[in-house]
Each structure stands twice: as C-alpha cells, then as structure tokens.
C-alpha cells in the first residue's frame, strides 16, 4: 500500500462527492485505487479526526501502517483533536490503541 497526501480527486474517488469542508488528509492507495483515507478537518476551536477504510481491501498490517501514518500526520496540529468511535466497526478499540482518551461521547488525542 502506498500512503500519500490526499487530493481533491482522491476524496471524490473514495466518497463519490466533494468534501463538505476543508481538510488535511492522507490516502492509502492499492493497485491504483484509493482504499483508505484519514486526517482531520477544522472546527471553531479544535479539529475532528476521521478515517475510513474500504472493507476487505487491506491487510491488518496495512491498517496499522496507515494508522501510524495518520497519527504522525496529526502531530503537527498544535490544537486539540477529537474523534468519534464507530461502534458498528471497531468500537473504541482502535481509538484506545492509538492513545486517545474518552471525553463524553468523543475521544481526545492524548
């Protein structure tokens, strides 16, 4: 899997629409197809992290590699970053693994 900065075309290819808000992200590309995307977008006084993976396309190793890349990518952001765990997929296991701490219904980058 190749990991690189996301472009507008990558977002459109992954979601089949334009992004609703300005964001910074990385994509995982496999055989020329964007199979994962992750990064953050800005709110008034903080950022919201997001990741999406096309199910069945990546090995566990690639998922972990991508997670590391996104976490490192967010290190340059000086403010607080929050995320929401997707209960239907992995629940809070992934956010706990990457060191996020619970804050109400959200998770904050520790």
N, C-alpha and C. Protein backbone atom coordinates (compact mmCIF):
# COMPACT_ATOMS: atom_id res chain seq x y z
N UNK A 1 0.85 -1.18 0.00
CA UNK A 1 0.00 0.00 0.00
C UNK A 1 0.89 1.24 0.00
N UNK A 2 0.55 2.17 -0.83
CA UNK A 2 1.26 3.45 -0.89
C UNK A 2 0.46 4.46 -0.08
N UNK A 3 1.13 5.19 0.82
CA UNK A 3 0.48 6.23 1.62
C UNK A 3 1.00 7.57 1.15
N UNK A 4 0.07 8.49 0.86
CA UNK A 4 0.46 9.80 0.34
C UNK A 4 -0.59 10.85 0.71
N UNK A 5 -0.22 12.14 0.57
CA UNK A 5 -1.21 13.20 0.84
C UNK A 5 -2.42 13.07 -0.10
N UNK A 6 -3.58 13.33 0.44
CA UNK A 6 -4.82 13.25 -0.33
C UNK A 6 -5.01 14.48 -1.19
N UNK A 7 -5.62 14.28 -2.33
CA UNK A 7 -6.00 15.37 -3.22
C UNK A 7 -7.53 15.42 -3.29
N UNK A 8 -8.04 16.47 -3.89
CA UNK A 8 -9.49 16.59 -4.09
C UNK A 8 -9.99 15.40 -4.93
N UNK A 9 -9.23 15.02 -5.94
CA UNK A 9 -9.63 13.89 -6.79
C UNK A 9 -9.69 12.59 -5.98
N UNK A 10 -8.77 12.41 -5.03
CA UNK A 10 -8.79 11.23 -4.17
C UNK A 10 -10.07 11.18 -3.34
N UNK A 11 -10.43 12.32 -2.76
CA UNK A 11 -11.64 12.38 -1.95
C UNK A 11 -12.86 12.03 -2.80
N UNK A 12 -12.92 12.61 -3.99
CA UNK A 12 -14.05 12.33 -4.88
C UNK A 12 -14.10 10.85 -5.26
N UNK A 13 -12.93 10.27 -5.53
CA UNK A 13 -12.88 8.85 -5.90
C UNK A 13 -13.34 7.96 -4.75
N UNK A 14 -12.98 8.32 -3.53
CA UNK A 14 -13.33 7.50 -2.37
C UNK A 14 -14.80 7.64 -1.98
N UNK A 15 -15.28 8.87 -1.92
CA UNK A 15 -16.65 9.13 -1.44
C UNK A 15 -17.67 9.40 -2.54
N UNK A 16 -17.21 9.58 -3.76
CA UNK A 16 -18.09 9.90 -4.89
C UNK A 16 -18.82 11.23 -4.68
N UNK A 17 -18.13 12.18 -4.01
CA UNK A 17 -18.67 13.52 -3.81
C UNK A 17 -17.54 14.46 -3.42
N UNK A 18 -17.83 15.74 -3.43
CA UNK A 18 -16.84 16.72 -2.96
C UNK A 18 -16.84 16.75 -1.44
N UNK A 19 -15.71 17.09 -0.83
CA UNK A 19 -15.69 17.19 0.64
C UNK A 19 -16.60 18.31 1.10
N UNK A 20 -17.30 18.11 2.21
CA UNK A 20 -18.22 19.14 2.70
C UNK A 20 -17.49 20.29 3.38
N UNK A 21 -16.22 20.10 3.70
CA UNK A 21 -15.46 21.09 4.44
C UNK A 21 -13.98 20.90 4.11
N UNK A 22 -13.19 21.93 4.27
CA UNK A 22 -11.75 21.85 4.01
C UNK A 22 -11.08 20.92 5.03
N UNK A 23 -10.16 20.09 4.55
CA UNK A 23 -9.50 19.15 5.43
C UNK A 23 -8.08 18.86 4.96
N UNK A 24 -7.32 18.23 5.85
CA UNK A 24 -5.99 17.72 5.51
C UNK A 24 -6.06 16.22 5.73
N UNK A 25 -5.56 15.46 4.76
CA UNK A 25 -5.69 14.01 4.88
C UNK A 25 -4.60 13.28 4.12
N UNK A 26 -4.48 12.01 4.44
CA UNK A 26 -3.63 11.07 3.72
C UNK A 26 -4.53 10.01 3.11
N UNK A 27 -4.07 9.39 2.04
CA UNK A 27 -4.80 8.26 1.48
C UNK A 27 -3.87 7.06 1.40
N UNK A 28 -4.49 5.89 1.46
CA UNK A 28 -3.81 4.64 1.18
C UNK A 28 -4.25 4.19 -0.20
N UNK A 29 -3.28 3.91 -1.06
CA UNK A 29 -3.58 3.53 -2.43
C UNK A 29 -3.05 2.11 -2.68
N UNK A 30 -3.89 1.28 -3.27
CA UNK A 30 -3.53 -0.09 -3.56
C UNK A 30 -3.93 -0.40 -4.99
N UNK A 31 -2.95 -0.76 -5.80
CA UNK A 31 -3.20 -1.07 -7.21
C UNK A 31 -3.93 0.08 -7.93
N UNK A 32 -3.54 1.32 -7.60
CA UNK A 32 -4.11 2.49 -8.25
C UNK A 32 -5.46 2.93 -7.71
N UNK A 33 -5.99 2.24 -6.72
CA UNK A 33 -7.29 2.58 -6.13
C UNK A 33 -7.10 3.14 -4.72
N UNK A 34 -7.81 4.23 -4.41
CA UNK A 34 -7.79 4.79 -3.06
C UNK A 34 -8.66 3.88 -2.19
N UNK A 35 -8.02 3.21 -1.21
CA UNK A 35 -8.73 2.23 -0.38
C UNK A 35 -8.88 2.70 1.07
N UNK A 36 -8.21 3.79 1.43
CA UNK A 36 -8.37 4.34 2.78
C UNK A 36 -8.07 5.83 2.75
N UNK A 37 -8.65 6.53 3.70
CA UNK A 37 -8.42 7.97 3.83
C UNK A 37 -8.49 8.31 5.32
N UNK A 38 -7.63 9.21 5.75
CA UNK A 38 -7.64 9.61 7.15
C UNK A 38 -6.95 10.94 7.33
N UNK A 39 -7.44 11.74 8.26
CA UNK A 39 -6.86 13.04 8.52
C UNK A 39 -7.73 13.82 9.49
N UNK A 40 -7.84 15.12 9.25
CA UNK A 40 -8.65 15.95 10.14
C UNK A 40 -9.19 17.16 9.40
N UNK A 41 -10.27 17.71 9.97
CA UNK A 41 -10.82 18.97 9.48
C UNK A 41 -11.02 19.89 10.67
N UNK A 42 -11.02 21.18 10.42
CA UNK A 42 -11.07 22.18 11.49
C UNK A 42 -12.49 22.56 11.85
N UNK A 43 -12.70 22.72 13.15
CA UNK A 43 -13.91 23.31 13.70
C UNK A 43 -13.49 24.68 14.25
N UNK A 44 -14.32 25.34 15.00
CA UNK A 44 -14.01 26.67 15.50
C UNK A 44 -12.75 26.71 16.35
N UNK A 45 -12.65 25.82 17.35
CA UNK A 45 -11.50 25.88 18.26
C UNK A 45 -10.79 24.54 18.41
N UNK A 46 -11.07 23.59 17.53
CA UNK A 46 -10.43 22.27 17.60
C UNK A 46 -10.53 21.61 16.23
N UNK A 47 -10.00 20.41 16.12
CA UNK A 47 -10.09 19.64 14.88
C UNK A 47 -10.80 18.33 15.15
N UNK A 48 -11.38 17.75 14.12
CA UNK A 48 -12.04 16.45 14.19
C UNK A 48 -11.26 15.48 13.29
N UNK A 49 -10.81 14.38 13.87
CA UNK A 49 -10.10 13.36 13.12
C UNK A 49 -11.09 12.39 12.48
N UNK A 50 -10.70 11.82 11.35
CA UNK A 50 -11.55 10.83 10.69
C UNK A 50 -10.66 9.81 9.96
N UNK A 51 -11.17 8.62 9.83
CA UNK A 51 -10.55 7.59 9.00
C UNK A 51 -11.65 6.74 8.39
N UNK A 52 -11.42 6.27 7.21
CA UNK A 52 -12.34 5.36 6.52
C UNK A 52 -11.49 4.35 5.76
N UNK A 53 -11.91 3.10 5.79
CA UNK A 53 -11.20 2.03 5.09
C UNK A 53 -12.22 1.22 4.31
N UNK A 54 -11.91 0.93 3.06
CA UNK A 54 -12.77 0.05 2.29
C UNK A 54 -12.57 -1.36 2.82
N UNK A 55 -13.61 -1.93 3.36
CA UNK A 55 -13.55 -3.24 4.00
C UNK A 55 -13.02 -4.30 3.04
N UNK A 56 -12.18 -5.16 3.57
CA UNK A 56 -11.68 -6.29 2.81
C UNK A 56 -10.56 -6.00 1.85
N UNK A 57 -10.13 -4.76 1.77
CA UNK A 57 -9.09 -4.41 0.80
C UNK A 57 -7.69 -4.37 1.41
N UNK A 58 -7.59 -4.17 2.73
CA UNK A 58 -6.28 -4.02 3.36
C UNK A 58 -6.00 -5.12 4.37
N UNK A 59 -4.73 -5.49 4.44
CA UNK A 59 -4.31 -6.43 5.47
C UNK A 59 -4.26 -5.70 6.81
N UNK A 60 -4.24 -6.46 7.89
CA UNK A 60 -4.13 -5.86 9.22
C UNK A 60 -2.84 -5.03 9.30
N UNK A 61 -1.79 -5.53 8.70
CA UNK A 61 -0.51 -4.80 8.69
C UNK A 61 -0.65 -3.44 8.00
N UNK A 62 -1.35 -3.40 6.87
CA UNK A 62 -1.56 -2.13 6.17
C UNK A 62 -2.43 -1.18 6.99
N UNK A 63 -3.43 -1.71 7.68
CA UNK A 63 -4.28 -0.87 8.53
C UNK A 63 -3.44 -0.22 9.64
N UNK A 64 -2.56 -0.99 10.25
CA UNK A 64 -1.71 -0.44 11.31
C UNK A 64 -0.72 0.57 10.74
N UNK A 65 -0.13 0.27 9.59
CA UNK A 65 0.78 1.22 8.93
C UNK A 65 0.07 2.53 8.63
N UNK A 66 -1.15 2.43 8.11
CA UNK A 66 -1.93 3.62 7.82
C UNK A 66 -2.28 4.40 9.07
N UNK A 67 -2.65 3.69 10.14
CA UNK A 67 -2.96 4.34 11.41
C UNK A 67 -1.77 5.11 11.96
N UNK A 68 -0.60 4.50 11.89
CA UNK A 68 0.63 5.19 12.34
C UNK A 68 0.87 6.45 11.52
N UNK A 69 0.69 6.34 10.22
CA UNK A 69 0.92 7.50 9.34
C UNK A 69 -0.04 8.64 9.67
N UNK A 70 -1.32 8.32 9.90
CA UNK A 70 -2.31 9.36 10.22
C UNK A 70 -1.99 9.99 11.58
N UNK A 71 -1.64 9.18 12.57
CA UNK A 71 -1.29 9.73 13.89
C UNK A 71 -0.07 10.65 13.78
N UNK A 72 0.92 10.25 13.04
CA UNK A 72 2.11 11.09 12.85
C UNK A 72 1.75 12.36 12.08
N UNK A 73 0.89 12.24 11.10
CA UNK A 73 0.42 13.37 10.29
C UNK A 73 -0.24 14.43 11.17
N UNK A 74 -0.99 13.98 12.19
CA UNK A 74 -1.71 14.90 13.06
C UNK A 74 -0.81 15.54 14.12
N UNK A 75 0.41 15.04 14.31
CA UNK A 75 1.31 15.59 15.32
C UNK A 75 1.62 17.06 15.10
N UNK A 76 1.62 17.51 13.87
CA UNK A 76 1.93 18.92 13.56
C UNK A 76 0.82 19.88 13.97
N UNK A 77 -0.39 19.35 14.18
CA UNK A 77 -1.51 20.21 14.58
C UNK A 77 -1.36 20.53 16.06
N UNK A 78 -1.28 21.81 16.39
CA UNK A 78 -1.00 22.24 17.77
C UNK A 78 -2.22 22.22 18.68
N UNK A 79 -3.41 22.27 18.13
CA UNK A 79 -4.61 22.33 18.96
C UNK A 79 -5.14 20.96 19.33
N UNK A 80 -6.31 20.96 19.97
CA UNK A 80 -6.94 19.70 20.36
C UNK A 80 -7.61 19.05 19.15
N UNK A 81 -7.53 17.72 19.13
CA UNK A 81 -8.17 16.94 18.08
C UNK A 81 -9.08 15.92 18.75
N UNK A 82 -10.31 15.82 18.25
CA UNK A 82 -11.30 14.89 18.77
C UNK A 82 -11.69 13.90 17.68
N UNK A 83 -12.20 12.75 18.10
CA UNK A 83 -12.68 11.74 17.16
C UNK A 83 -13.91 11.06 17.77
N UNK A 84 -14.64 10.37 16.92
CA UNK A 84 -15.79 9.58 17.37
C UNK A 84 -15.53 8.14 16.95
N UNK A 85 -15.73 7.21 17.86
CA UNK A 85 -15.54 5.79 17.55
C UNK A 85 -16.78 5.25 16.84
N UNK A 86 -16.58 4.45 15.82
CA UNK A 86 -17.68 3.85 15.08
C UNK A 86 -18.02 2.50 15.71
N UNK A 87 -19.09 2.49 16.47
CA UNK A 87 -19.49 1.27 17.18
C UNK A 87 -19.77 0.10 16.24
N UNK A 88 -20.25 0.40 15.04
CA UNK A 88 -20.60 -0.66 14.10
C UNK A 88 -19.36 -1.37 13.55
N UNK A 89 -18.22 -0.71 13.61
CA UNK A 89 -17.00 -1.32 13.05
C UNK A 89 -16.09 -1.84 14.14
N UNK A 90 -15.36 -0.97 14.79
CA UNK A 90 -14.37 -1.41 15.76
C UNK A 90 -14.61 -0.86 17.16
N UNK A 91 -15.68 -0.11 17.35
CA UNK A 91 -15.95 0.46 18.66
C UNK A 91 -14.81 1.34 19.11
N UNK A 92 -14.51 1.26 20.38
CA UNK A 92 -13.45 2.12 20.90
C UNK A 92 -12.08 1.45 20.90
N UNK A 93 -11.97 0.23 20.41
CA UNK A 93 -10.70 -0.50 20.42
C UNK A 93 -9.61 0.26 19.67
N UNK A 94 -9.92 0.74 18.48
CA UNK A 94 -8.92 1.43 17.68
C UNK A 94 -8.46 2.75 18.32
N UNK A 95 -9.41 3.55 18.79
CA UNK A 95 -9.00 4.83 19.37
C UNK A 95 -8.22 4.62 20.67
N UNK A 96 -8.58 3.64 21.45
CA UNK A 96 -7.79 3.31 22.65
C UNK A 96 -6.38 2.87 22.27
N UNK A 97 -6.29 2.04 21.24
CA UNK A 97 -4.99 1.54 20.79
C UNK A 97 -4.04 2.68 20.43
N UNK A 98 -4.57 3.72 19.82
CA UNK A 98 -3.74 4.84 19.39
C UNK A 98 -3.58 5.91 20.47
N UNK A 99 -4.05 5.64 21.68
CA UNK A 99 -3.78 6.52 22.81
C UNK A 99 -4.75 7.67 23.00
N UNK A 100 -5.94 7.60 22.43
CA UNK A 100 -6.95 8.63 22.61
C UNK A 100 -7.64 8.39 23.95
N UNK A 101 -8.10 9.47 24.57
CA UNK A 101 -8.79 9.36 25.86
C UNK A 101 -10.25 9.76 25.71
N UNK A 102 -11.17 9.08 26.42
CA UNK A 102 -12.58 9.40 26.30
C UNK A 102 -12.93 10.73 26.94
N UNK A 103 -13.79 11.48 26.25
CA UNK A 103 -14.31 12.76 26.76
C UNK A 103 -15.78 12.79 26.36
N UNK A 104 -16.64 12.34 27.26
CA UNK A 104 -18.07 12.24 26.93
C UNK A 104 -18.28 11.23 25.82
N UNK A 105 -18.97 11.64 24.75
CA UNK A 105 -19.22 10.76 23.61
C UNK A 105 -18.08 10.78 22.59
N UNK A 106 -17.08 11.61 22.83
CA UNK A 106 -15.97 11.74 21.90
C UNK A 106 -14.68 11.20 22.52
N UNK A 107 -13.63 11.22 21.73
CA UNK A 107 -12.29 10.84 22.17
C UNK A 107 -11.35 11.98 21.85
N UNK A 108 -10.42 12.28 22.75
CA UNK A 108 -9.46 13.37 22.56
C UNK A 108 -8.07 12.78 22.41
N UNK A 109 -7.33 13.35 21.47
CA UNK A 109 -5.94 12.91 21.31
C UNK A 109 -5.17 13.24 22.57
N UNK A 110 -4.56 12.25 23.18
CA UNK A 110 -3.84 12.45 24.44
C UNK A 110 -2.47 13.06 24.19
